[in-house]
């Protein structure tokens, strides 16, 4: 599997200050984080429940080592609540990847971000192969787990069928691999939207 854009090895990127993503699912599940990209306000179409919680379009980046970036005062959260939050992130992700209009809105809102690269990189942040096994019931239904893996397969094929340095969004829209990815996101969103967003701060599936 090849990585797009900012996920290239550090030696292959421009000599800028390295930034590290601290709210990716891989970080919280103990897997090394990848360098991040964007730090901007989410567009209006992003679900309001995500706006104030480092939503999928406002990923928190710092110029500090990972160990210094996490707030020491933050209370640990349960696996249930953690999965609820990342499930909400995934709904936001599928929402914009499934729509050419929303992709264009994203690009217009944050023109310095390369939206095609984000479509690949954000999936790696929240649902890479190394963390999919953590997305289990009761937060992720069986249908949702299957939808994630079905999208993952299409994501892999679209990655294989597109160049590592992706062209602009407008050049990709309408191409077969990009349409394949959009349709896969649309199908996944249809599954996830059946139960909708879960609470950010309270477990919807208390264990006691």
N, C-alpha and C. Protein backbone atom coordinates (compact mmCIF):
# COMPACT_ATOMS: atom_id res chain seq x y z
N UNK A 1 0.84 -1.19 0.00
CA UNK A 1 0.00 0.00 0.00
C UNK A 1 0.88 1.25 0.00
N UNK A 2 0.52 2.23 -0.81
CA UNK A 2 1.29 3.47 -0.82
C UNK A 2 0.52 4.55 -0.09
N UNK A 3 1.23 5.53 0.43
CA UNK A 3 0.60 6.62 1.15
C UNK A 3 0.66 7.88 0.29
N UNK A 4 -0.31 8.76 0.49
CA UNK A 4 -0.43 9.97 -0.32
C UNK A 4 0.02 11.20 0.45
N UNK A 5 0.57 12.14 -0.29
CA UNK A 5 0.84 13.46 0.25
C UNK A 5 1.72 13.46 1.48
N UNK A 6 1.19 13.95 2.60
CA UNK A 6 1.97 14.17 3.81
C UNK A 6 2.37 12.88 4.49
N UNK A 7 1.92 11.76 4.00
CA UNK A 7 2.31 10.49 4.60
C UNK A 7 3.56 9.91 3.97
N UNK A 8 4.17 10.64 3.08
CA UNK A 8 5.46 10.21 2.56
C UNK A 8 6.49 10.23 3.68
N UNK A 9 7.52 9.40 3.57
CA UNK A 9 8.57 9.45 4.59
C UNK A 9 9.11 10.86 4.75
N UNK A 10 9.57 11.19 5.94
CA UNK A 10 10.04 12.55 6.22
C UNK A 10 11.12 12.97 5.24
N UNK A 11 11.98 12.05 4.85
CA UNK A 11 13.07 12.39 3.94
C UNK A 11 12.57 12.81 2.57
N UNK A 12 11.31 12.41 2.22
CA UNK A 12 10.76 12.74 0.92
C UNK A 12 9.91 14.00 0.95
N UNK A 13 9.74 14.59 2.13
CA UNK A 13 8.93 15.79 2.23
C UNK A 13 9.82 17.02 2.31
N UNK A 14 9.23 18.20 2.13
CA UNK A 14 9.97 19.43 2.23
C UNK A 14 10.47 19.62 3.66
N UNK A 15 11.62 20.27 3.83
CA UNK A 15 12.21 20.42 5.17
C UNK A 15 11.47 21.47 6.00
N UNK A 16 10.28 21.11 6.48
CA UNK A 16 9.50 22.00 7.34
C UNK A 16 9.51 21.44 8.74
N UNK A 17 9.03 22.24 9.70
CA UNK A 17 8.92 21.75 11.08
C UNK A 17 7.93 20.60 11.10
N UNK A 18 8.36 19.47 11.61
CA UNK A 18 7.48 18.31 11.63
C UNK A 18 6.36 18.51 12.63
N UNK A 19 5.13 18.25 12.20
CA UNK A 19 3.98 18.33 13.09
C UNK A 19 3.42 16.93 13.28
N UNK A 20 2.86 16.70 14.45
CA UNK A 20 2.33 15.37 14.73
C UNK A 20 0.87 15.46 15.09
N UNK A 21 0.11 14.54 14.52
CA UNK A 21 -1.32 14.46 14.78
C UNK A 21 -1.55 13.79 16.13
N UNK A 22 -2.32 14.43 17.00
CA UNK A 22 -2.49 13.87 18.33
C UNK A 22 -3.91 13.40 18.61
N UNK A 23 -4.83 13.49 17.66
CA UNK A 23 -6.17 12.98 17.93
C UNK A 23 -6.57 11.88 16.97
N UNK A 24 -5.60 11.25 16.31
CA UNK A 24 -5.94 10.13 15.45
C UNK A 24 -6.28 8.92 16.31
N UNK A 25 -7.09 8.04 15.75
CA UNK A 25 -7.45 6.83 16.48
C UNK A 25 -6.22 5.99 16.77
N UNK A 26 -5.24 6.02 15.88
CA UNK A 26 -4.04 5.22 16.09
C UNK A 26 -3.29 5.70 17.33
N UNK A 27 -3.31 7.01 17.57
CA UNK A 27 -2.64 7.53 18.77
C UNK A 27 -3.33 7.01 20.03
N UNK A 28 -4.66 7.09 20.07
CA UNK A 28 -5.37 6.68 21.28
C UNK A 28 -5.34 5.17 21.49
N UNK A 29 -5.17 4.41 20.41
CA UNK A 29 -5.10 2.97 20.54
C UNK A 29 -3.67 2.47 20.64
N UNK A 30 -2.72 3.39 20.82
CA UNK A 30 -1.35 2.99 21.08
C UNK A 30 -0.53 2.71 19.85
N UNK A 31 -0.99 3.16 18.67
CA UNK A 31 -0.24 2.97 17.44
C UNK A 31 0.40 4.30 17.08
N UNK A 32 1.64 4.29 16.61
CA UNK A 32 2.36 5.52 16.31
C UNK A 32 1.58 6.39 15.35
N UNK A 33 1.51 7.69 15.63
CA UNK A 33 0.77 8.64 14.80
C UNK A 33 1.56 8.99 13.56
N UNK A 34 0.84 9.43 12.53
CA UNK A 34 1.45 9.91 11.30
C UNK A 34 1.42 11.44 11.30
N UNK A 35 2.30 12.10 10.54
CA UNK A 35 2.22 13.56 10.44
C UNK A 35 0.87 13.99 9.90
N UNK A 36 0.33 15.09 10.42
CA UNK A 36 -0.98 15.56 10.01
C UNK A 36 -0.86 16.68 8.99
N UNK A 37 -2.04 17.31 8.71
CA UNK A 37 -2.04 18.32 7.66
C UNK A 37 -2.81 19.56 8.03
N UNK A 38 -4.10 19.49 8.33
CA UNK A 38 -4.91 20.69 8.36
C UNK A 38 -5.19 21.16 9.77
N UNK A 39 -5.49 22.46 9.88
CA UNK A 39 -5.77 23.05 11.19
C UNK A 39 -6.72 24.22 10.98
N UNK A 40 -7.92 23.93 10.48
CA UNK A 40 -8.85 24.96 10.10
C UNK A 40 -10.24 24.65 10.61
N UNK A 41 -11.11 25.66 10.59
CA UNK A 41 -12.48 25.46 11.04
C UNK A 41 -13.25 24.61 10.05
N UNK A 42 -14.15 23.74 10.54
CA UNK A 42 -14.92 22.89 9.63
C UNK A 42 -15.96 23.69 8.88
N UNK A 43 -16.32 23.30 7.66
CA UNK A 43 -17.36 24.00 6.92
C UNK A 43 -18.73 23.74 7.54
N UNK A 44 -19.74 24.48 7.06
CA UNK A 44 -21.04 24.44 7.69
C UNK A 44 -21.71 23.08 7.59
N UNK A 45 -21.38 22.29 6.58
CA UNK A 45 -22.08 21.01 6.41
C UNK A 45 -21.62 19.97 7.41
N UNK A 46 -20.53 20.19 8.13
CA UNK A 46 -20.09 19.24 9.14
C UNK A 46 -21.11 19.20 10.28
N UNK A 47 -21.51 18.02 10.75
CA UNK A 47 -22.48 17.95 11.86
C UNK A 47 -22.05 18.81 13.02
N UNK A 48 -22.99 19.58 13.57
CA UNK A 48 -22.67 20.55 14.60
C UNK A 48 -22.08 19.91 15.84
N UNK A 49 -22.43 18.65 16.11
CA UNK A 49 -21.92 17.98 17.31
C UNK A 49 -20.43 17.73 17.23
N UNK A 50 -19.84 17.86 16.04
CA UNK A 50 -18.41 17.63 15.89
C UNK A 50 -17.61 18.92 15.88
N UNK A 51 -18.26 20.06 15.71
CA UNK A 51 -17.54 21.31 15.49
C UNK A 51 -16.57 21.65 16.60
N UNK A 52 -16.96 21.40 17.84
CA UNK A 52 -16.14 21.83 18.97
C UNK A 52 -15.26 20.72 19.51
N UNK A 53 -15.11 19.64 18.76
CA UNK A 53 -14.43 18.48 19.31
C UNK A 53 -13.35 17.94 18.38
N UNK A 54 -12.54 18.84 17.82
CA UNK A 54 -11.48 18.44 16.90
C UNK A 54 -12.05 17.54 15.82
N UNK A 55 -13.04 18.06 15.10
CA UNK A 55 -13.74 17.27 14.09
C UNK A 55 -12.81 16.85 12.98
N UNK A 56 -13.35 16.08 12.05
CA UNK A 56 -12.53 15.44 11.04
C UNK A 56 -11.79 16.46 10.17
N UNK A 57 -12.29 17.71 10.10
CA UNK A 57 -11.62 18.72 9.30
C UNK A 57 -10.75 19.65 10.12
N UNK A 58 -10.73 19.51 11.43
CA UNK A 58 -9.95 20.43 12.25
C UNK A 58 -8.98 19.66 13.13
N UNK A 59 -8.16 18.89 12.53
CA UNK A 59 -7.26 18.02 13.27
C UNK A 59 -6.19 18.82 13.99
N UNK A 60 -5.98 18.51 15.26
CA UNK A 60 -5.10 19.30 16.12
C UNK A 60 -3.65 18.92 15.87
N UNK A 61 -2.82 19.92 15.54
CA UNK A 61 -1.41 19.69 15.29
C UNK A 61 -0.59 20.55 16.23
N UNK A 62 0.55 20.04 16.66
CA UNK A 62 1.46 20.81 17.50
C UNK A 62 2.88 20.55 17.05
N UNK A 63 3.77 21.49 17.39
CA UNK A 63 5.18 21.35 17.05
C UNK A 63 5.96 20.79 18.23
N UNK A 64 5.33 19.90 18.99
CA UNK A 64 5.94 19.32 20.18
C UNK A 64 6.02 17.82 20.04
N UNK A 65 6.89 17.17 20.82
CA UNK A 65 6.88 15.71 20.83
C UNK A 65 5.53 15.21 21.28
N UNK A 66 5.19 14.00 20.86
CA UNK A 66 3.89 13.43 21.19
C UNK A 66 3.63 13.43 22.68
N UNK A 67 4.63 13.12 23.48
CA UNK A 67 4.44 13.00 24.92
C UNK A 67 4.08 14.33 25.56
N UNK A 68 4.44 15.46 24.92
CA UNK A 68 4.15 16.78 25.45
C UNK A 68 2.86 17.35 24.91
N UNK A 69 2.29 16.71 23.90
CA UNK A 69 1.15 17.29 23.21
C UNK A 69 -0.18 16.98 23.86
N UNK A 70 -0.26 15.90 24.62
CA UNK A 70 -1.52 15.48 25.20
C UNK A 70 -1.73 16.20 26.52
N UNK A 71 -2.95 16.67 26.73
CA UNK A 71 -3.27 17.37 27.97
C UNK A 71 -3.18 16.41 29.16
N UNK A 72 -2.33 16.75 30.14
CA UNK A 72 -2.19 15.89 31.31
C UNK A 72 -3.43 15.90 32.19
N UNK A 73 -4.23 16.97 32.10
CA UNK A 73 -5.38 17.11 32.98
C UNK A 73 -6.61 16.38 32.45
N UNK A 74 -6.57 15.91 31.24
CA UNK A 74 -7.73 15.25 30.67
C UNK A 74 -7.93 13.88 31.30
N UNK A 75 -9.16 13.62 31.73
CA UNK A 75 -9.47 12.35 32.35
C UNK A 75 -9.50 11.26 31.28
N UNK A 76 -9.03 10.06 31.62
CA UNK A 76 -9.13 8.94 30.68
C UNK A 76 -10.60 8.67 30.36
N UNK A 77 -10.86 8.23 29.15
CA UNK A 77 -12.22 7.90 28.76
C UNK A 77 -12.30 6.41 28.45
N UNK A 78 -13.51 5.88 28.50
CA UNK A 78 -13.72 4.46 28.30
C UNK A 78 -13.59 4.10 26.83
N UNK A 79 -13.41 2.82 26.58
CA UNK A 79 -13.36 2.34 25.19
C UNK A 79 -14.67 2.60 24.47
N UNK A 80 -15.78 2.53 25.21
CA UNK A 80 -17.09 2.80 24.61
C UNK A 80 -17.15 4.24 24.12
N UNK A 81 -16.80 5.17 24.98
CA UNK A 81 -16.88 6.59 24.61
C UNK A 81 -15.88 6.93 23.52
N UNK A 82 -14.70 6.34 23.58
CA UNK A 82 -13.70 6.57 22.54
C UNK A 82 -14.24 6.12 21.19
N UNK A 83 -14.86 4.94 21.15
CA UNK A 83 -15.43 4.46 19.90
C UNK A 83 -16.58 5.32 19.42
N UNK A 84 -17.38 5.84 20.35
CA UNK A 84 -18.46 6.74 19.95
C UNK A 84 -17.91 7.96 19.23
N UNK A 85 -16.82 8.51 19.77
CA UNK A 85 -16.24 9.70 19.17
C UNK A 85 -15.68 9.41 17.79
N UNK A 86 -14.99 8.29 17.64
CA UNK A 86 -14.42 8.00 16.33
C UNK A 86 -15.47 7.56 15.34
N UNK A 87 -16.54 6.97 15.82
CA UNK A 87 -17.66 6.68 14.93
C UNK A 87 -18.25 7.97 14.38
N UNK A 88 -18.37 9.00 15.24
CA UNK A 88 -18.84 10.31 14.78
C UNK A 88 -17.87 10.90 13.76
N UNK A 89 -16.57 10.77 14.01
CA UNK A 89 -15.58 11.25 13.03
C UNK A 89 -15.79 10.56 11.68
N UNK A 90 -16.03 9.27 11.71
CA UNK A 90 -16.20 8.53 10.46
C UNK A 90 -17.45 8.96 9.70
N UNK A 91 -18.52 9.26 10.42
CA UNK A 91 -19.72 9.78 9.75
C UNK A 91 -19.40 11.10 9.06
N UNK A 92 -18.66 11.97 9.74
CA UNK A 92 -18.25 13.22 9.10
C UNK A 92 -17.40 12.98 7.87
N UNK A 93 -16.48 12.03 7.98
CA UNK A 93 -15.61 11.70 6.85
C UNK A 93 -16.42 11.18 5.67
N UNK A 94 -17.30 10.21 5.90
CA UNK A 94 -18.11 9.67 4.81
C UNK A 94 -19.03 10.74 4.22
N UNK A 95 -19.45 11.69 5.06
CA UNK A 95 -20.34 12.74 4.58
C UNK A 95 -19.71 13.58 3.49
N UNK A 96 -18.43 13.96 3.67
CA UNK A 96 -17.83 14.81 2.63
C UNK A 96 -17.22 14.00 1.49
N UNK A 97 -16.70 12.83 1.76
CA UNK A 97 -16.12 12.03 0.68
C UNK A 97 -17.21 11.53 -0.28
N UNK A 98 -18.42 11.38 0.21
CA UNK A 98 -19.51 10.86 -0.62
C UNK A 98 -20.15 11.92 -1.51
N UNK A 99 -19.71 13.16 -1.41
CA UNK A 99 -20.37 14.25 -2.12
C UNK A 99 -19.35 15.15 -2.82
N UNK A 100 -19.46 15.27 -4.14
CA UNK A 100 -18.58 16.18 -4.86
C UNK A 100 -18.81 17.62 -4.41
N UNK A 101 -20.06 17.98 -4.13
CA UNK A 101 -20.35 19.34 -3.66
C UNK A 101 -19.62 19.63 -2.35
N UNK A 102 -19.67 18.69 -1.41
CA UNK A 102 -19.02 18.90 -0.13
C UNK A 102 -17.50 18.87 -0.26
N UNK A 103 -16.99 18.07 -1.19
CA UNK A 103 -15.56 18.09 -1.45
C UNK A 103 -15.13 19.48 -1.93
N UNK A 104 -15.93 20.05 -2.82
CA UNK A 104 -15.61 21.38 -3.33
C UNK A 104 -15.73 22.43 -2.24
N UNK A 105 -16.72 22.29 -1.37
CA UNK A 105 -16.87 23.23 -0.26
C UNK A 105 -15.66 23.14 0.68
N UNK A 106 -15.22 21.94 0.93
CA UNK A 106 -14.04 21.73 1.78
C UNK A 106 -12.84 22.41 1.15
N UNK A 107 -12.61 22.18 -0.15
CA UNK A 107 -11.46 22.78 -0.82
C UNK A 107 -11.53 24.30 -0.81
N UNK A 108 -12.75 24.86 -0.99
CA UNK A 108 -12.91 26.31 -0.99
C UNK A 108 -12.70 26.89 0.41
N UNK A 109 -13.10 26.13 1.44
CA UNK A 109 -12.99 26.61 2.81
C UNK A 109 -11.54 26.61 3.28
N UNK A 110 -10.79 25.57 2.89
CA UNK A 110 -9.38 25.46 3.30
C UNK A 110 -8.52 25.24 2.05
N UNK A 111 -8.30 26.28 1.26
CA UNK A 111 -7.61 26.12 -0.03
C UNK A 111 -6.18 25.61 0.08
N UNK A 112 -5.54 25.77 1.23
CA UNK A 112 -4.17 25.28 1.38
C UNK A 112 -4.11 23.76 1.57
N UNK A 113 -5.24 23.16 1.87
CA UNK A 113 -5.30 21.71 2.03
C UNK A 113 -5.57 21.05 0.69
N UNK A 114 -4.89 19.96 0.42
CA UNK A 114 -5.11 19.20 -0.80
C UNK A 114 -6.18 18.16 -0.49
N UNK A 115 -7.41 18.44 -0.86
CA UNK A 115 -8.55 17.60 -0.48
C UNK A 115 -8.41 16.15 -0.96
N UNK A 116 -7.96 15.88 -2.17
CA UNK A 116 -7.78 14.48 -2.55
C UNK A 116 -6.85 13.70 -1.62
N UNK A 117 -5.74 14.34 -1.21
CA UNK A 117 -4.86 13.66 -0.25
C UNK A 117 -5.58 13.43 1.07
N UNK A 118 -6.40 14.40 1.49
CA UNK A 118 -7.12 14.25 2.74
C UNK A 118 -8.08 13.07 2.71
N UNK A 119 -8.67 12.80 1.55
CA UNK A 119 -9.59 11.67 1.45
C UNK A 119 -8.90 10.35 1.77
N UNK A 120 -7.63 10.26 1.44
CA UNK A 120 -6.87 9.06 1.77
C UNK A 120 -6.30 9.13 3.19
N UNK A 121 -5.73 10.28 3.53
CA UNK A 121 -5.03 10.39 4.81
C UNK A 121 -5.96 10.36 6.01
N UNK A 122 -7.14 10.96 5.90
CA UNK A 122 -8.05 10.96 7.03
C UNK A 122 -8.57 9.56 7.33
N UNK A 123 -8.75 8.75 6.31
CA UNK A 123 -9.13 7.36 6.56
C UNK A 123 -8.06 6.65 7.37
N UNK A 124 -6.80 6.89 7.04
CA UNK A 124 -5.71 6.30 7.80
C UNK A 124 -5.71 6.79 9.25
N UNK A 125 -6.13 8.03 9.46
CA UNK A 125 -6.19 8.56 10.82
C UNK A 125 -7.19 7.81 11.68
N UNK A 126 -8.35 7.52 11.10
CA UNK A 126 -9.46 7.03 11.90
C UNK A 126 -9.82 5.57 11.69
N UNK A 127 -9.35 4.93 10.66
CA UNK A 127 -9.80 3.55 10.41
C UNK A 127 -8.77 2.73 9.65
N UNK A 128 -7.51 2.87 9.97
CA UNK A 128 -6.49 2.06 9.32
C UNK A 128 -6.66 0.59 9.70
N UNK A 129 -6.00 -0.26 8.97
CA UNK A 129 -6.09 -1.70 9.25
C UNK A 129 -5.64 -2.02 10.67
N UNK A 130 -4.78 -1.19 11.24
CA UNK A 130 -4.24 -1.48 12.57
C UNK A 130 -5.24 -1.21 13.68
N UNK A 131 -6.32 -0.49 13.37
CA UNK A 131 -7.28 -0.18 14.44
C UNK A 131 -8.70 -0.65 14.14
N UNK A 132 -8.98 -1.15 12.94
CA UNK A 132 -10.34 -1.56 12.62
C UNK A 132 -10.87 -2.61 13.59
N UNK A 133 -10.01 -3.48 14.07
CA UNK A 133 -10.46 -4.53 14.99
C UNK A 133 -10.94 -3.97 16.32
N UNK A 134 -10.61 -2.70 16.62
CA UNK A 134 -11.08 -2.07 17.86
C UNK A 134 -12.51 -1.56 17.72
N UNK A 135 -13.00 -1.46 16.51
CA UNK A 135 -14.34 -0.92 16.28
C UNK A 135 -15.36 -2.06 16.32
N UNK A 136 -15.88 -2.31 17.49
CA UNK A 136 -16.73 -3.48 17.74
C UNK A 136 -18.04 -3.05 18.39
N UNK A 137 -18.94 -4.03 18.52
CA UNK A 137 -20.19 -3.78 19.22
C UNK A 137 -19.91 -3.45 20.69
N UNK A 138 -20.78 -2.69 21.31
CA UNK A 138 -22.08 -2.22 20.83
C UNK A 138 -22.02 -0.93 20.02
N UNK A 139 -20.89 -0.23 20.02
CA UNK A 139 -20.84 1.07 19.33
C UNK A 139 -20.92 0.88 17.82
N UNK A 140 -20.16 -0.05 17.30
CA UNK A 140 -20.19 -0.35 15.86
C UNK A 140 -20.98 -1.63 15.64
N UNK A 141 -22.12 -1.52 14.99
CA UNK A 141 -22.94 -2.69 14.71
C UNK A 141 -22.22 -3.60 13.71
N UNK A 142 -22.73 -4.81 13.59
CA UNK A 142 -22.15 -5.74 12.61
C UNK A 142 -22.20 -5.15 11.21
N UNK A 143 -23.33 -4.53 10.86
CA UNK A 143 -23.46 -3.91 9.54
C UNK A 143 -22.44 -2.80 9.35
N UNK A 144 -22.20 -2.02 10.40
CA UNK A 144 -21.23 -0.93 10.30
C UNK A 144 -19.81 -1.47 10.19
N UNK A 145 -19.51 -2.53 10.89
CA UNK A 145 -18.19 -3.14 10.76
C UNK A 145 -17.97 -3.64 9.34
N UNK A 146 -18.99 -4.26 8.77
CA UNK A 146 -18.89 -4.74 7.39
C UNK A 146 -18.76 -3.57 6.42
N UNK A 147 -19.47 -2.47 6.70
CA UNK A 147 -19.39 -1.30 5.84
C UNK A 147 -17.98 -0.70 5.86
N UNK A 148 -17.35 -0.68 7.03
CA UNK A 148 -15.99 -0.16 7.12
C UNK A 148 -15.03 -1.00 6.29
N UNK A 149 -15.16 -2.30 6.37
CA UNK A 149 -14.24 -3.16 5.63
C UNK A 149 -14.52 -3.12 4.13
N UNK A 150 -15.78 -2.96 3.76
CA UNK A 150 -16.10 -2.82 2.34
C UNK A 150 -15.51 -1.52 1.79
N UNK A 151 -15.62 -0.44 2.57
CA UNK A 151 -15.02 0.81 2.13
C UNK A 151 -13.51 0.69 2.08
N UNK A 152 -12.92 0.03 3.07
CA UNK A 152 -11.47 -0.16 3.10
C UNK A 152 -10.98 -0.83 1.82
N UNK A 153 -11.73 -1.82 1.33
CA UNK A 153 -11.32 -2.51 0.11
C UNK A 153 -11.34 -1.57 -1.10
N UNK A 154 -12.37 -0.74 -1.18
CA UNK A 154 -12.45 0.21 -2.28
C UNK A 154 -11.38 1.29 -2.13
N UNK A 155 -11.16 1.74 -0.90
CA UNK A 155 -10.10 2.72 -0.63
C UNK A 155 -8.75 2.19 -1.12
N UNK A 156 -8.46 0.92 -0.83
CA UNK A 156 -7.21 0.32 -1.28
C UNK A 156 -7.12 0.28 -2.80
N UNK A 157 -8.22 -0.09 -3.46
CA UNK A 157 -8.19 -0.18 -4.93
C UNK A 157 -8.06 1.20 -5.55
N UNK A 158 -8.75 2.19 -4.96
CA UNK A 158 -8.62 3.55 -5.49
C UNK A 158 -7.22 4.08 -5.27
N UNK A 159 -6.60 3.73 -4.15
CA UNK A 159 -5.22 4.13 -3.91
C UNK A 159 -4.29 3.52 -4.94
N UNK A 160 -4.53 2.26 -5.25
CA UNK A 160 -3.68 1.58 -6.24
C UNK A 160 -3.85 2.18 -7.63
N UNK A 161 -5.03 2.72 -7.92
CA UNK A 161 -5.35 3.20 -9.27
C UNK A 161 -5.16 4.70 -9.43
N UNK A 162 -4.57 5.35 -8.44
CA UNK A 162 -4.30 6.79 -8.54
C UNK A 162 -2.83 7.03 -8.23
N UNK A 163 -2.25 8.10 -8.75
CA UNK A 163 -0.83 8.38 -8.49
C UNK A 163 -0.61 8.78 -7.04
N UNK A 164 0.61 8.57 -6.57
CA UNK A 164 0.94 8.94 -5.19
C UNK A 164 0.80 10.44 -5.00
N UNK A 165 1.27 11.22 -5.94
CA UNK A 165 1.08 12.67 -5.92
C UNK A 165 -0.20 12.96 -6.71
N UNK A 166 -1.30 13.11 -6.01
CA UNK A 166 -2.59 13.24 -6.67
C UNK A 166 -2.73 14.60 -7.35
N UNK A 167 -3.47 14.63 -8.47
CA UNK A 167 -3.76 15.92 -9.11
C UNK A 167 -4.79 16.70 -8.29
N UNK A 168 -5.22 17.81 -8.80
CA UNK A 168 -6.18 18.65 -8.09
C UNK A 168 -7.53 17.96 -7.99
N UNK A 169 -8.36 18.46 -7.09
CA UNK A 169 -9.70 17.89 -6.92
C UNK A 169 -10.49 17.94 -8.21
N UNK A 170 -10.47 19.07 -8.90
CA UNK A 170 -11.26 19.20 -10.12
C UNK A 170 -10.79 18.25 -11.21
N UNK A 171 -9.51 17.94 -11.22
CA UNK A 171 -9.00 16.98 -12.19
C UNK A 171 -9.44 15.55 -11.86
N UNK A 172 -9.65 15.27 -10.59
CA UNK A 172 -10.04 13.92 -10.17
C UNK A 172 -11.54 13.69 -10.27
N UNK A 173 -12.33 14.72 -10.01
CA UNK A 173 -13.79 14.54 -10.04
C UNK A 173 -14.22 14.06 -11.41
N UNK A 174 -14.99 12.99 -11.41
CA UNK A 174 -15.46 12.40 -12.65
C UNK A 174 -14.62 11.25 -13.16
N UNK A 175 -13.42 11.08 -12.62
CA UNK A 175 -12.62 9.93 -13.02
C UNK A 175 -13.15 8.67 -12.35
N UNK A 176 -12.88 7.54 -12.95
CA UNK A 176 -13.45 6.28 -12.44
C UNK A 176 -13.00 5.96 -11.02
N UNK A 177 -11.71 6.05 -10.67
CA UNK A 177 -11.32 5.73 -9.30
C UNK A 177 -11.94 6.67 -8.27
N UNK A 178 -12.06 7.96 -8.62
CA UNK A 178 -12.62 8.91 -7.65
C UNK A 178 -14.11 8.69 -7.47
N UNK A 179 -14.80 8.37 -8.56
CA UNK A 179 -16.22 8.05 -8.46
C UNK A 179 -16.44 6.75 -7.69
N UNK A 180 -15.54 5.81 -7.87
CA UNK A 180 -15.62 4.55 -7.11
C UNK A 180 -15.50 4.81 -5.62
N UNK A 181 -14.57 5.69 -5.26
CA UNK A 181 -14.39 6.03 -3.84
C UNK A 181 -15.61 6.78 -3.31
N UNK A 182 -16.14 7.69 -4.10
CA UNK A 182 -17.31 8.47 -3.67
C UNK A 182 -18.51 7.54 -3.43
N UNK A 183 -18.76 6.63 -4.34
CA UNK A 183 -19.89 5.71 -4.20
C UNK A 183 -19.71 4.83 -2.98
N UNK A 184 -18.50 4.37 -2.74
CA UNK A 184 -18.24 3.53 -1.56
C UNK A 184 -18.51 4.30 -0.28
N UNK A 185 -18.12 5.57 -0.23
CA UNK A 185 -18.39 6.40 0.94
C UNK A 185 -19.89 6.62 1.10
N UNK A 186 -20.58 6.81 0.02
CA UNK A 186 -22.03 6.99 0.07
C UNK A 186 -22.73 5.76 0.64
N UNK A 187 -22.28 4.58 0.23
CA UNK A 187 -22.86 3.34 0.74
C UNK A 187 -22.57 3.17 2.23
N UNK A 188 -21.36 3.50 2.64
CA UNK A 188 -21.01 3.41 4.06
C UNK A 188 -21.84 4.39 4.88
N UNK A 189 -22.00 5.61 4.37
CA UNK A 189 -22.78 6.62 5.09
C UNK A 189 -24.21 6.16 5.28
N UNK A 190 -24.78 5.51 4.27
CA UNK A 190 -26.15 5.02 4.37
C UNK A 190 -26.30 4.04 5.53
N UNK A 191 -25.28 3.25 5.77
CA UNK A 191 -25.32 2.29 6.88
C UNK A 191 -25.20 3.01 8.21
N UNK A 192 -24.25 3.91 8.32
CA UNK A 192 -23.98 4.58 9.59
C UNK A 192 -25.10 5.54 9.99
N UNK A 193 -25.75 6.16 9.02
CA UNK A 193 -26.74 7.18 9.33
C UNK A 193 -28.01 6.56 9.89
N UNK A 194 -28.17 5.25 9.77
CA UNK A 194 -29.35 4.60 10.34
C UNK A 194 -29.45 4.84 11.83
N UNK A 195 -28.32 4.84 12.52
CA UNK A 195 -28.32 5.10 13.96
C UNK A 195 -27.82 6.50 14.29
N UNK A 196 -27.25 7.18 13.31
CA UNK A 196 -26.85 8.56 13.49
C UNK A 196 -25.66 8.74 14.42
N UNK A 197 -25.45 9.99 14.82
CA UNK A 197 -24.34 10.35 15.69
C UNK A 197 -24.63 9.94 17.13
N UNK A 198 -23.58 9.60 17.86
CA UNK A 198 -23.69 9.28 19.28
C UNK A 198 -23.17 10.46 20.11
N UNK A 199 -23.45 10.40 21.40
CA UNK A 199 -23.03 11.47 22.29
C UNK A 199 -21.51 11.54 22.38
N UNK A 200 -20.98 12.77 22.49
CA UNK A 200 -19.54 12.96 22.56
C UNK A 200 -19.01 12.76 23.97
N UNK A 201 -19.80 13.13 24.99
CA UNK A 201 -19.31 13.14 26.36
C UNK A 201 -19.93 12.09 27.26
N UNK A 202 -20.95 11.41 26.80
CA UNK A 202 -21.64 10.43 27.64
C UNK A 202 -21.79 9.12 26.88
N UNK A 203 -21.59 8.01 27.58
CA UNK A 203 -21.75 6.71 26.94
C UNK A 203 -23.22 6.47 26.59
N UNK A 204 -23.46 6.14 25.34
CA UNK A 204 -24.80 5.73 24.93
C UNK A 204 -25.04 4.25 25.20
N UNK A 205 -23.98 3.55 25.58
CA UNK A 205 -24.06 2.12 25.88
C UNK A 205 -23.38 1.86 27.22
N UNK A 206 -23.97 2.37 28.33
CA UNK A 206 -23.30 2.17 29.63
C UNK A 206 -23.20 0.69 29.97
N UNK A 207 -22.06 0.34 30.55
CA UNK A 207 -21.79 -1.06 30.87
C UNK A 207 -22.35 -1.45 32.24
N UNK A 208 -22.81 -0.48 33.03
CA UNK A 208 -23.31 -0.77 34.36
C UNK A 208 -24.78 -0.43 34.46
